[in-house]
């Protein structure tokens, strides 16, 4: 059976359609692990090539595939040029696999986003406190200290808000600027594929559409399996600036923690965000 096709660009007359993508989709999901991100097998493609996007979870920008099923996905979208296909979840296969495969039939900058449904975790107090400190979640740390909760387990819902940006051919577009439906959205100030030499680069972080201020951001860079990590704090505009070299793989990640009131199961809700791109 041929893979499903998606008419992502409609002409004004409503009749002529340009098919840009053919998708063959298999997903594996797991709720365990720490950082979570999506990334293709490479980031720069020629027109007509097929991208193979991995769904990864792990530490230090080294990941293993998720395991699970499509029921864990809240939304999955593909952005190309001025068109967005926000119904990818409806076309996910039910068989277990390890990737999202996209046959690229046109040139341009491409963005894929994934938002998972809530999962629940009960962490013993020591591990929960360590996790809060590691990710700079001072609002939760302060609340637990003030209310004598540091000896209590952490009862938490968590979900993932992740995206990847890759390039097909020479044509570069502003799709990277589009705000998405991700609760935690990391948006570059410029197209990363226009970067030709070392220099400063900016990203802005939004939570539920508002600028996310005073939040710890991690910037990961991998070249030849060597990983470096830098940490920054967003300013009042929800922005950070860091040094970028156009080589290897990059990831920007962060966590937002919210206190829940009157929930019968959890006391905290976390949102984990990431953005990846690369130069090979």
Protein backbone atom coordinates (compact mmCIF):
# COMPACT_ATOMS: atom_id res chain seq x y z
CA UNK A 1 0.00 0.00 0.00
CA UNK A 2 1.47 3.43 -0.92
CA UNK A 3 2.06 5.97 1.85
CA UNK A 4 -0.69 8.55 2.45
CA UNK A 5 -0.26 11.88 0.69
CA UNK A 6 -1.20 15.29 2.01
CA UNK A 7 -2.28 18.24 -0.19
CA UNK A 8 -0.62 20.95 1.90
CA UNK A 9 -0.86 23.86 -0.51
CA UNK A 10 -4.20 24.89 -2.03
CA UNK A 11 -4.44 27.46 -4.83
CA UNK A 12 -6.99 30.28 -4.59
CA UNK A 13 -9.37 28.64 -7.06
CA UNK A 14 -9.82 25.75 -4.64
CA UNK A 15 -9.19 23.23 -7.41
CA UNK A 16 -5.48 23.03 -8.16
CA UNK A 17 -3.48 21.33 -5.47
CA UNK A 18 0.26 21.03 -5.04
CA UNK A 19 1.31 17.94 -3.13
CA UNK A 20 4.45 18.72 -1.19
CA UNK A 21 4.84 15.80 1.17
CA UNK A 22 4.26 12.09 1.21
CA UNK A 23 4.34 10.65 4.68
CA UNK A 24 5.03 7.25 6.04
CA UNK A 25 4.66 7.39 9.77
CA UNK A 26 5.55 5.04 12.55
CA UNK A 27 5.97 6.22 16.14
CA UNK A 28 7.26 4.70 19.32
CA UNK A 29 6.69 6.48 22.59
CA UNK A 30 7.87 6.03 26.15
CA UNK A 31 7.22 8.23 29.15
CA UNK A 32 10.50 7.57 30.92
CA UNK A 33 13.75 9.51 30.70
CA UNK A 34 14.81 13.13 30.95
CA UNK A 35 15.42 15.36 27.94
CA UNK A 36 13.19 14.55 24.98
CA UNK A 37 13.67 15.77 21.43
CA UNK A 38 12.98 14.96 17.81
CA UNK A 39 15.58 15.12 15.06
CA UNK A 40 16.06 13.76 11.53
CA UNK A 41 18.84 11.44 10.41
CA UNK A 42 20.40 14.57 8.91
CA UNK A 43 19.26 18.18 8.75
CA UNK A 44 20.05 19.25 5.18
CA UNK A 45 18.35 17.43 2.29
CA UNK A 46 18.09 17.53 -1.44
CA UNK A 47 14.70 17.74 -3.08
CA UNK A 48 13.24 14.25 -3.47
CA UNK A 49 15.08 12.71 -0.52
CA UNK A 50 13.28 11.10 2.41
CA UNK A 51 13.88 12.32 5.94
CA UNK A 52 13.77 9.90 8.85
CA UNK A 53 12.87 11.76 12.07
CA UNK A 54 13.74 10.05 15.35
CA UNK A 55 11.83 10.48 18.60
CA UNK A 56 14.52 10.43 21.28
CA UNK A 57 14.72 10.52 25.06
CA UNK A 58 17.86 10.52 27.20
CA UNK A 59 20.64 12.44 28.88
CA UNK A 60 23.42 14.71 27.60
CA UNK A 61 22.01 14.95 24.06
CA UNK A 62 22.37 11.20 23.62
CA UNK A 63 19.07 9.42 23.24
CA UNK A 64 17.25 6.17 22.72
CA UNK A 65 13.92 5.71 20.95
CA UNK A 66 10.70 6.08 22.85
CA UNK A 67 8.43 3.03 23.12
CA UNK A 68 4.66 3.14 23.36
CA UNK A 69 1.77 4.03 21.06
CA UNK A 70 -0.02 6.90 19.33
CA UNK A 71 -2.41 7.34 22.27
CA UNK A 72 0.31 9.36 24.03
CA UNK A 73 0.28 12.04 21.32
CA UNK A 74 -1.84 15.14 21.79
CA UNK A 75 -0.90 16.81 18.50
CA UNK A 76 1.62 16.48 15.72
CA UNK A 77 2.07 19.09 12.99
CA UNK A 78 4.17 19.83 9.93
CA UNK A 79 4.89 23.40 8.78
CA UNK A 80 6.11 24.24 5.28
CA UNK A 81 6.17 27.66 3.66
CA UNK A 82 2.85 29.30 4.59
CA UNK A 83 0.97 26.04 5.12
CA UNK A 84 0.56 23.88 8.22
CA UNK A 85 -0.76 20.33 8.36
CA UNK A 86 -1.99 19.89 11.93
CA UNK A 87 -3.67 16.53 11.43
CA UNK A 88 -0.66 14.22 11.28
CA UNK A 89 -1.79 12.30 14.35
CA UNK A 90 -4.81 11.01 12.42
CA UNK A 91 -2.46 9.30 9.99
CA UNK A 92 -0.11 7.65 12.46
CA UNK A 93 0.31 3.92 12.11
CA UNK A 94 -0.62 1.63 14.96
CA UNK A 95 2.42 -0.60 14.51
CA UNK A 96 5.48 0.02 16.62
CA UNK A 97 8.46 1.59 14.91
CA UNK A 98 11.04 4.25 15.54
CA UNK A 99 10.62 7.13 13.15
CA UNK A 100 8.57 9.58 11.13
CA UNK A 101 9.50 9.30 7.45
CA UNK A 102 8.77 12.21 5.10
CA UNK A 103 9.44 12.17 1.36
CA UNK A 104 10.39 15.76 0.52
CA UNK A 105 8.92 16.71 -2.86
CA UNK A 106 9.71 20.42 -2.78
CA UNK A 107 12.39 22.79 -1.48
CA UNK A 108 12.17 24.95 1.61
CA UNK A 109 12.63 25.18 5.36
CA UNK A 110 10.54 22.59 7.23
CA UNK A 111 9.37 22.46 10.85
CA UNK A 112 7.82 19.46 12.62
CA UNK A 113 6.26 19.76 16.08
CA UNK A 114 5.03 17.22 18.62
CA UNK A 115 3.03 17.71 21.82
CA UNK A 116 2.37 14.71 24.06
CA UNK A 117 -0.50 14.10 26.42
CA UNK A 118 0.07 14.26 30.15
CA UNK A 119 1.82 11.39 31.90
CA UNK A 120 2.02 11.00 35.69
CA UNK A 121 5.07 10.33 37.83
CA UNK A 122 5.52 9.89 41.60
CA UNK A 123 9.13 10.78 42.51
CA UNK A 124 10.61 10.22 45.94
CA UNK A 125 11.38 13.48 47.73
CA UNK A 126 15.17 13.41 47.32
CA UNK A 127 15.01 12.76 43.58
CA UNK A 128 12.30 15.36 43.09
CA UNK A 129 14.30 18.02 44.96
CA UNK A 130 17.41 17.21 42.91
CA UNK A 131 15.45 17.44 39.68
CA UNK A 132 14.02 20.83 40.65
CA UNK A 133 17.50 22.18 41.44
CA UNK A 134 19.02 20.76 38.25
CA UNK A 135 16.48 22.51 36.05
CA UNK A 136 16.37 25.74 38.04
CA UNK A 137 12.69 25.43 38.94
CA UNK A 138 12.89 27.95 41.76
CA UNK A 139 9.15 28.50 42.03
CA UNK A 140 8.64 24.86 43.00
CA UNK A 141 11.72 24.83 45.25
CA UNK A 142 10.56 27.94 47.11
CA UNK A 143 7.01 26.63 47.51
CA UNK A 144 8.14 23.28 48.91
CA UNK A 145 10.56 24.92 51.35
CA UNK A 146 7.99 27.47 52.51
CA UNK A 147 5.31 24.82 53.04
CA UNK A 148 7.49 22.11 54.55
CA UNK A 149 7.06 19.86 51.52
CA UNK A 150 10.72 19.03 50.88
CA UNK A 151 10.26 15.62 52.53
CA UNK A 152 7.20 14.84 50.42
CA UNK A 153 7.23 12.93 47.14
CA UNK A 154 6.81 14.92 43.97
CA UNK A 155 3.44 14.12 42.38
CA UNK A 156 3.65 15.45 38.86
CA UNK A 157 1.99 15.45 35.48
CA UNK A 158 4.38 16.13 32.61
CA UNK A 159 4.13 16.60 28.86
CA UNK A 160 6.51 17.33 25.99
CA UNK A 161 6.49 20.29 23.57
CA UNK A 162 9.18 19.64 20.97
CA UNK A 163 10.11 20.71 17.46
CA UNK A 164 12.80 20.26 14.85
CA UNK A 165 13.73 22.48 11.90
CA UNK A 166 15.48 21.15 8.81
CA UNK A 167 16.28 22.38 5.31
CA UNK A 168 15.44 20.97 1.87
CA UNK A 169 17.35 22.40 -1.09
CA UNK A 170 18.43 26.03 -1.43
CA UNK A 171 15.13 27.82 -0.86
CA UNK A 172 14.91 29.24 2.66
CA UNK A 173 11.66 30.47 4.17
CA UNK A 174 10.42 32.02 7.41
CA UNK A 175 8.50 28.97 8.62
CA UNK A 176 10.78 28.90 11.70
CA UNK A 177 9.13 32.14 12.92
CA UNK A 178 5.63 30.72 13.11
CA UNK A 179 4.12 30.42 16.55
CA UNK A 180 2.79 26.93 17.04
CA UNK A 181 0.19 25.32 19.27
CA UNK A 182 2.90 23.95 21.56
CA UNK A 183 2.30 25.09 25.17
CA UNK A 184 6.06 25.68 25.53
CA UNK A 185 7.39 27.11 22.28
CA UNK A 186 11.05 27.90 21.49
CA UNK A 187 11.36 30.19 18.45
CA UNK A 188 14.63 31.25 16.75
CA UNK A 189 15.06 34.93 15.91
CA UNK A 190 16.59 34.02 12.54
CA UNK A 191 16.62 31.08 10.18
CA UNK A 192 19.47 28.89 11.50
CA UNK A 193 20.23 27.72 7.96
CA UNK A 194 21.17 31.25 6.91
CA UNK A 195 24.01 31.23 9.43
CA UNK A 196 27.27 31.02 7.45
CA UNK A 197 29.86 31.84 10.10
CA UNK A 198 30.34 31.84 13.87
CA UNK A 199 28.38 34.49 15.73
CA UNK A 200 25.66 35.24 18.23
CA UNK A 201 22.22 33.71 17.83
CA UNK A 202 18.95 34.42 19.66
CA UNK A 203 15.92 32.36 20.56
CA UNK A 204 12.75 33.44 22.34
CA UNK A 205 10.65 31.22 24.59
CA UNK A 206 6.88 31.42 24.99
CA UNK A 207 4.62 29.68 27.50
CA UNK A 208 0.92 29.60 26.60
CA UNK A 209 1.59 32.45 24.17
CA UNK A 210 3.33 34.71 26.71
CA UNK A 211 7.04 35.52 26.92
CA UNK A 212 8.69 33.20 29.44
CA UNK A 213 10.89 35.36 31.67
CA UNK A 214 13.67 34.42 34.11
CA UNK A 215 13.76 30.78 33.07
CA UNK A 216 16.78 28.49 32.82
CA UNK A 217 17.58 27.46 29.25
CA UNK A 218 20.05 24.77 28.24
CA UNK A 219 21.89 24.99 24.92
CA UNK A 220 23.43 21.74 23.69
CA UNK A 221 25.96 21.35 20.87
CA UNK A 222 27.19 18.03 19.50
CA UNK A 223 30.09 17.65 17.05
CA UNK A 224 31.53 14.20 16.31
CA UNK A 225 29.79 12.78 19.42
CA UNK A 226 31.41 15.42 21.65
CA UNK A 227 28.70 17.29 23.55
CA UNK A 228 28.94 20.69 25.21
CA UNK A 229 26.20 22.35 27.27
CA UNK A 230 25.75 25.97 28.29
CA UNK A 231 23.04 27.38 30.56
CA UNK A 232 21.35 30.76 30.23
CA UNK A 233 18.43 32.65 31.79
CA UNK A 234 15.79 34.35 29.68
CA UNK A 235 15.47 38.12 29.98
CA UNK A 236 12.25 40.10 30.36
CA UNK A 237 11.48 39.45 26.68
CA UNK A 238 11.84 35.69 27.15
CA UNK A 239 15.02 35.76 25.08
CA UNK A 240 18.56 34.39 25.31
CA UNK A 241 21.62 35.02 23.15
CA UNK A 242 24.39 32.47 22.69
CA UNK A 243 27.41 31.78 20.49
CA UNK A 244 26.56 29.62 17.47
CA UNK A 245 28.88 27.90 15.01
CA UNK A 246 27.27 26.36 11.89
CA UNK A 247 28.44 22.78 12.43
CA UNK A 248 27.14 19.65 14.09
CA UNK A 249 23.81 19.39 15.92
CA UNK A 250 22.13 21.93 18.20
CA UNK A 251 19.38 21.67 20.80
CA UNK A 252 17.77 24.30 23.03
CA UNK A 253 15.70 22.94 25.92
CA UNK A 254 13.86 24.14 29.02
CA UNK A 255 11.22 23.19 31.59
CA UNK A 256 8.27 25.15 32.98
CA UNK A 257 6.70 23.98 36.26
CA UNK A 258 3.22 25.03 37.43
CA UNK A 259 1.61 24.39 40.82
CA UNK A 260 -1.74 22.59 40.61
CA UNK A 261 -4.59 23.33 43.00
CA UNK A 262 -7.27 20.81 43.96
CA UNK A 263 -6.09 18.10 41.59
CA UNK A 264 -6.94 14.66 43.05
CA UNK A 265 -3.69 13.07 41.87
CA UNK A 266 -0.88 15.54 41.15
CA UNK A 267 0.47 18.69 42.78
CA UNK A 268 2.62 19.87 39.88
CA UNK A 269 2.41 20.15 36.10
CA UNK A 270 5.60 20.37 34.05
CA UNK A 271 6.07 21.26 30.41
CA UNK A 272 9.28 20.14 28.69
CA UNK A 273 10.30 22.00 25.56
CA UNK A 274 13.06 21.49 23.01
CA UNK A 275 14.15 22.71 19.57
CA UNK A 276 16.72 21.01 17.34
CA UNK A 277 18.53 21.88 14.10
CA UNK A 278 21.88 21.01 12.55
CA UNK A 279 24.39 21.45 9.73
CA UNK A 280 24.89 18.12 7.98
